[in-house]
Amino acid sequence: MADSRTLSADRPSVVLPALFLATVVVLFGFHGTGGEWLDLKVQSWFWDGRDWLIPKDSGWFHRLAYTGPKILLYVFAVGLLGAVAFPARSPAWLGRRRAAYIFLSLAVVSLVCTQLRSVTQMATPRDLSIYGAVAPNAWEHLLLFDAKPAHYPSHAFPAGHASGGFALLSLAFAWGTVSARRRGILIGIAYGGAMGLYQVARGEHFLSHTLATAAVAWLIVACLARWLKPAEVSSTS
C-alpha cells in the first residue's frame, strides 16, 4: 500500500497552479495592476535603447544557449520513449508508467503552450515600436485583454521555448519522496527559468510570458500526475 507521501505525490493540488495562472493572467492582462510596469522594468535591464543584451544573431552562443537545451530535451524524450517501449531495459528506478508520465508532460505542455500563444494575441518586445521596431512591422504595446488591431502579432503568450524546461516540473510528481519532490521542482524551475530568461534577454519575450508558461506547465503536470499516478508504481514497474 502506498504511504502518505506517495499518495500526496499522486494527488498534487491543481488549485495552487490554477490560482497562480489566474494571478498571472489578471496581473499582466489589465492596466493598473502593476504587471505592465513590472514587465517593462525587467525588460529595461536588457535593452540599451538600441539593441538587446543578447543580439538576435549571436552565432555559436545562440546555438549553445538556445538550441542546446532543446536538443537535450529531445534526447531525454527519446530516452523516455525507449523506457516505455522496452521497460525491461530501462533503469529500475524509472519504469514504464513514470517514463510515460514524464514524456506526456513534455509533449502536452509544449503543445498546449504553442497552441495557446496562437490565440492570445500578444506581441514580443521585438515586435514593438518602443523597442526599436520600425514600420510596417512595429506595433503598440498592448496587454492581454486590450482590443487588438487586425494582424496584431500572436506568438508570445505563453512562451513556447521555455515550455519544455518547465515541463520538467513533472519530475516532482514522478516519485513519492520529499527529496524527489524538491529535486524535481528545482530542476523544472532552473531549466525552464534559464530558457525563459535567455529569451527575455534577447527581446523575444516579456517576464509575464515566461511566468504564464510556468503556470500552465505546473497545472498540466499536476493534472497528469493525478491521472497517471506515477509515484504509486513500484520501482520495478
Protein backbone atom coordinates (compact mmCIF):
# COMPACT_ATOMS: atom_id res chain seq x y z
CA MET A 1 0.00 0.00 0.00
CA ALA A 2 1.32 3.42 -0.90
CA ASP A 3 2.37 5.61 2.01
CA SER A 4 1.07 9.11 2.63
CA ARG A 5 3.99 10.72 0.81
CA THR A 6 3.24 8.73 -2.35
CA LEU A 7 -0.46 9.48 -2.12
CA SER A 8 0.38 13.18 -1.82
CA ALA A 9 2.55 13.00 -4.93
CA ASP A 10 -0.19 11.17 -6.81
CA ARG A 11 -2.79 13.76 -5.91
CA PRO A 12 -0.99 17.10 -6.15
CA SER A 13 -3.04 20.22 -5.81
CA VAL A 14 -4.45 21.64 -9.02
CA VAL A 15 -5.87 24.61 -7.12
CA LEU A 16 -2.48 26.19 -6.45
CA PRO A 17 -1.27 26.17 -10.09
CA ALA A 18 -4.72 27.32 -11.24
CA LEU A 19 -4.56 30.25 -8.82
CA PHE A 20 -1.03 31.06 -9.96
CA LEU A 21 -2.16 31.06 -13.60
CA ALA A 22 -5.18 33.22 -12.79
CA THR A 23 -2.91 35.68 -10.93
CA VAL A 24 -0.56 35.96 -13.90
CA VAL A 25 -3.47 36.49 -16.30
CA VAL A 26 -5.05 39.22 -14.16
CA LEU A 27 -1.81 40.92 -13.11
CA PHE A 28 -0.43 41.15 -16.63
CA GLY A 29 -3.70 41.27 -18.52
CA PHE A 30 -5.08 44.60 -17.31
CA HIS A 31 -3.71 48.11 -16.93
CA GLY A 32 -3.22 49.49 -13.44
CA THR A 33 -2.40 46.21 -11.69
CA GLY A 34 1.38 46.73 -11.68
CA GLY A 35 2.07 43.88 -14.06
CA GLU A 36 2.70 46.10 -17.07
CA TRP A 37 5.19 48.19 -15.05
CA LEU A 38 6.98 45.02 -13.93
CA ASP A 39 7.22 43.67 -17.47
CA LEU A 40 8.65 46.91 -18.80
CA LYS A 41 11.00 47.31 -15.83
CA VAL A 42 12.51 43.85 -16.26
CA GLN A 43 12.80 44.37 -19.99
CA SER A 44 14.70 47.63 -19.45
CA TRP A 45 17.51 45.66 -17.82
CA PHE A 46 18.24 44.03 -21.18
CA TRP A 47 17.55 46.94 -23.60
CA ASP A 48 20.11 49.70 -24.01
CA GLY A 49 17.98 51.88 -26.26
CA ARG A 50 19.44 50.47 -29.46
CA ASP A 51 19.75 46.71 -29.09
CA TRP A 52 19.23 43.84 -26.67
CA LEU A 53 21.78 42.45 -24.25
CA ILE A 54 21.88 39.35 -26.43
CA PRO A 55 21.57 40.26 -30.14
CA LYS A 56 19.22 38.21 -32.30
CA ASP A 57 22.09 36.82 -34.32
CA SER A 58 24.57 35.72 -31.66
CA GLY A 59 26.16 32.83 -33.53
CA TRP A 60 27.65 29.99 -31.53
CA PHE A 61 26.34 31.40 -28.25
CA HIS A 62 22.78 31.17 -29.55
CA ARG A 63 23.33 27.60 -30.63
CA LEU A 64 24.69 26.79 -27.19
CA ALA A 65 22.10 28.67 -25.10
CA TYR A 66 19.01 28.23 -27.27
CA THR A 67 19.41 25.13 -29.39
CA GLY A 68 21.46 23.20 -26.84
CA PRO A 69 18.78 22.93 -24.13
CA LYS A 70 16.17 21.94 -26.74
CA ILE A 71 18.37 19.15 -28.08
CA LEU A 72 18.94 17.83 -24.56
CA LEU A 73 15.16 17.75 -24.03
CA TYR A 74 14.68 15.89 -27.32
CA VAL A 75 17.31 13.33 -26.33
CA PHE A 76 15.68 12.95 -22.92
CA ALA A 77 12.27 12.45 -24.57
CA VAL A 78 13.68 9.76 -26.86
CA GLY A 79 15.14 8.01 -23.84
CA LEU A 80 11.75 8.12 -22.13
CA LEU A 81 10.10 6.60 -25.21
CA GLY A 82 12.71 3.85 -25.09
CA ALA A 83 11.78 3.14 -21.49
CA VAL A 84 8.10 2.97 -22.44
CA ALA A 85 8.74 0.64 -25.38
CA PHE A 86 11.35 -1.55 -23.65
CA PRO A 87 10.68 -1.37 -19.89
CA ALA A 88 12.86 -4.40 -19.16
CA ARG A 89 15.87 -2.46 -20.43
CA SER A 90 15.09 0.78 -18.59
CA PRO A 91 16.58 1.65 -15.19
CA ALA A 92 14.79 0.04 -12.25
CA TRP A 93 14.07 3.44 -10.71
CA LEU A 94 12.21 4.66 -13.80
CA GLY A 95 9.68 2.15 -15.11
CA ARG A 96 7.16 2.37 -17.93
CA ARG A 97 4.47 4.45 -16.21
CA ARG A 98 6.86 7.04 -14.86
CA ALA A 99 8.55 7.34 -18.24
CA ALA A 100 5.16 7.68 -19.95
CA TYR A 101 4.08 10.34 -17.47
CA ILE A 102 7.20 12.46 -17.92
CA PHE A 103 7.11 12.05 -21.71
CA LEU A 104 3.43 13.05 -21.85
CA SER A 105 4.19 16.06 -19.67
CA LEU A 106 6.90 17.21 -22.09
CA ALA A 107 4.64 16.71 -25.10
CA VAL A 108 1.40 18.12 -23.69
CA VAL A 109 2.94 21.19 -22.06
CA SER A 110 4.79 22.13 -25.25
CA LEU A 111 1.71 21.55 -27.42
CA VAL A 112 -0.67 23.48 -25.16
CA CYS A 113 1.67 26.45 -24.78
CA THR A 114 2.23 26.63 -28.54
CA GLN A 115 -1.49 26.47 -29.28
CA LEU A 116 -2.41 28.99 -26.57
CA ARG A 117 0.01 31.61 -27.83
CA SER A 118 -1.57 31.38 -31.27
CA VAL A 119 -4.86 32.73 -29.90
CA THR A 120 -3.86 35.12 -27.08
CA GLN A 121 -2.68 37.86 -29.47
CA MET A 122 0.37 39.03 -27.58
CA ALA A 123 3.46 40.53 -29.19
CA THR A 124 7.09 40.02 -28.30
CA PRO A 125 9.21 43.03 -27.31
CA ARG A 126 10.96 42.83 -30.69
CA ASP A 127 7.59 43.50 -32.35
CA LEU A 128 7.07 46.79 -30.51
CA SER A 129 7.95 50.32 -31.54
CA ILE A 130 9.12 51.16 -28.01
CA TYR A 131 11.96 48.68 -28.53
CA GLY A 132 13.06 49.91 -31.91
CA ALA A 133 10.79 48.01 -34.28
CA VAL A 134 10.11 50.04 -37.42
CA ALA A 135 7.14 50.20 -39.76
CA PRO A 136 5.49 48.22 -41.21
CA ASN A 137 6.38 45.63 -38.55
CA ALA A 138 6.17 47.90 -35.49
CA TRP A 139 3.27 47.64 -33.07
CA GLU A 140 1.96 49.39 -29.96
CA HIS A 141 2.43 47.66 -26.63
CA LEU A 142 -0.94 46.11 -25.74
CA LEU A 143 -1.96 43.84 -22.88
CA LEU A 144 -3.81 40.54 -22.93
CA PHE A 145 -7.31 41.99 -22.63
CA ASP A 146 -6.76 45.09 -24.75
CA ALA A 147 -8.59 45.23 -28.06
CA LYS A 148 -6.12 44.29 -30.80
CA PRO A 149 -5.98 45.65 -34.35
CA ALA A 150 -6.06 43.29 -37.31
CA HIS A 151 -2.89 41.27 -37.84
CA TYR A 152 -1.52 42.09 -34.38
CA PRO A 153 1.21 39.54 -33.53
CA SER A 154 0.08 36.42 -31.72
CA HIS A 155 3.14 34.34 -30.91
CA ALA A 156 4.23 35.25 -27.42
CA PHE A 157 1.93 34.35 -24.51
CA PRO A 158 2.73 31.89 -23.07
CA ALA A 159 6.34 31.47 -24.14
CA GLY A 160 6.94 28.40 -26.25
CA HIS A 161 10.69 27.93 -25.90
CA ALA A 162 10.63 27.62 -22.11
CA SER A 163 7.70 25.19 -22.10
CA GLY A 164 9.88 22.10 -22.38
CA GLY A 165 12.02 23.23 -19.48
CA PHE A 166 9.08 23.92 -17.21
CA ALA A 167 7.53 20.58 -18.21
CA LEU A 168 10.37 19.03 -16.17
CA LEU A 169 8.33 20.04 -13.11
CA SER A 170 6.77 16.62 -13.77
CA LEU A 171 9.86 15.16 -12.10
CA ALA A 172 8.47 16.49 -8.82
CA PHE A 173 5.45 14.19 -9.07
CA ALA A 174 7.03 11.10 -10.59
CA TRP A 175 8.36 9.78 -7.26
CA GLY A 176 6.81 9.87 -3.82
CA THR A 177 9.69 11.05 -1.66
CA VAL A 178 10.17 14.56 -0.33
CA SER A 179 13.72 14.70 -1.71
CA ALA A 180 12.48 13.74 -5.19
CA ARG A 181 9.78 16.39 -4.99
CA ARG A 182 12.30 19.09 -4.11
CA ARG A 183 14.75 17.92 -6.74
CA GLY A 184 12.07 17.92 -9.43
CA ILE A 185 10.89 21.41 -8.52
CA LEU A 186 14.47 22.70 -8.59
CA ILE A 187 15.21 21.10 -11.98
CA GLY A 188 11.98 22.34 -13.56
CA ILE A 189 12.31 25.90 -12.30
CA ALA A 190 16.03 26.12 -13.09
CA TYR A 191 15.80 24.63 -16.59
CA GLY A 192 12.63 26.43 -17.61
CA GLY A 193 13.74 29.64 -15.94
CA ALA A 194 17.09 29.64 -17.74
CA MET A 195 15.42 29.04 -21.10
CA GLY A 196 12.89 31.78 -20.40
CA LEU A 197 15.49 34.27 -19.15
CA TYR A 198 17.54 33.81 -22.30
CA GLN A 199 14.51 34.76 -24.40
CA VAL A 200 13.76 37.80 -22.21
CA ALA A 201 17.37 38.97 -22.51
CA ARG A 202 17.19 38.90 -26.31
CA GLY A 203 13.79 40.61 -26.54
CA GLU A 204 11.82 37.57 -27.62
CA HIS A 205 9.55 37.51 -24.55
CA PHE A 206 8.41 39.51 -21.55
CA LEU A 207 8.66 38.19 -18.00
CA SER A 208 4.89 37.65 -18.00
CA HIS A 209 5.13 35.29 -20.97
CA THR A 210 7.58 33.08 -19.07
CA LEU A 211 5.53 33.15 -15.86
CA ALA A 212 2.45 32.11 -17.83
CA THR A 213 4.40 29.17 -19.24
CA ALA A 214 5.47 28.09 -15.76
CA ALA A 215 1.88 28.28 -14.51
CA VAL A 216 0.45 26.34 -17.45
CA ALA A 217 3.17 23.68 -17.11
CA TRP A 218 2.58 23.31 -13.36
CA LEU A 219 -1.16 22.89 -13.88
CA ILE A 220 -0.75 20.33 -16.66
CA VAL A 221 1.85 18.15 -14.91
CA ALA A 222 -0.26 18.17 -11.74
CA CYS A 223 -3.35 17.07 -13.68
CA LEU A 224 -1.40 14.34 -15.47
CA ALA A 225 0.03 13.12 -12.15
CA ARG A 226 -3.47 12.78 -10.70
CA TRP A 227 -4.50 10.78 -13.77
CA LEU A 228 -1.46 8.51 -14.26
CA LYS A 229 -0.33 8.25 -10.61
CA PRO A 230 3.36 7.69 -11.49
CA ALA A 231 4.56 7.83 -7.87
CA GLU A 232 2.34 4.90 -6.95
CA VAL A 233 4.13 2.34 -9.12
CA SER A 234 6.81 0.10 -7.69
CA SER A 235 10.40 0.60 -8.70
CA THR A 236 10.20 -2.47 -10.94
CA SER A 237 7.10 -1.38 -12.90
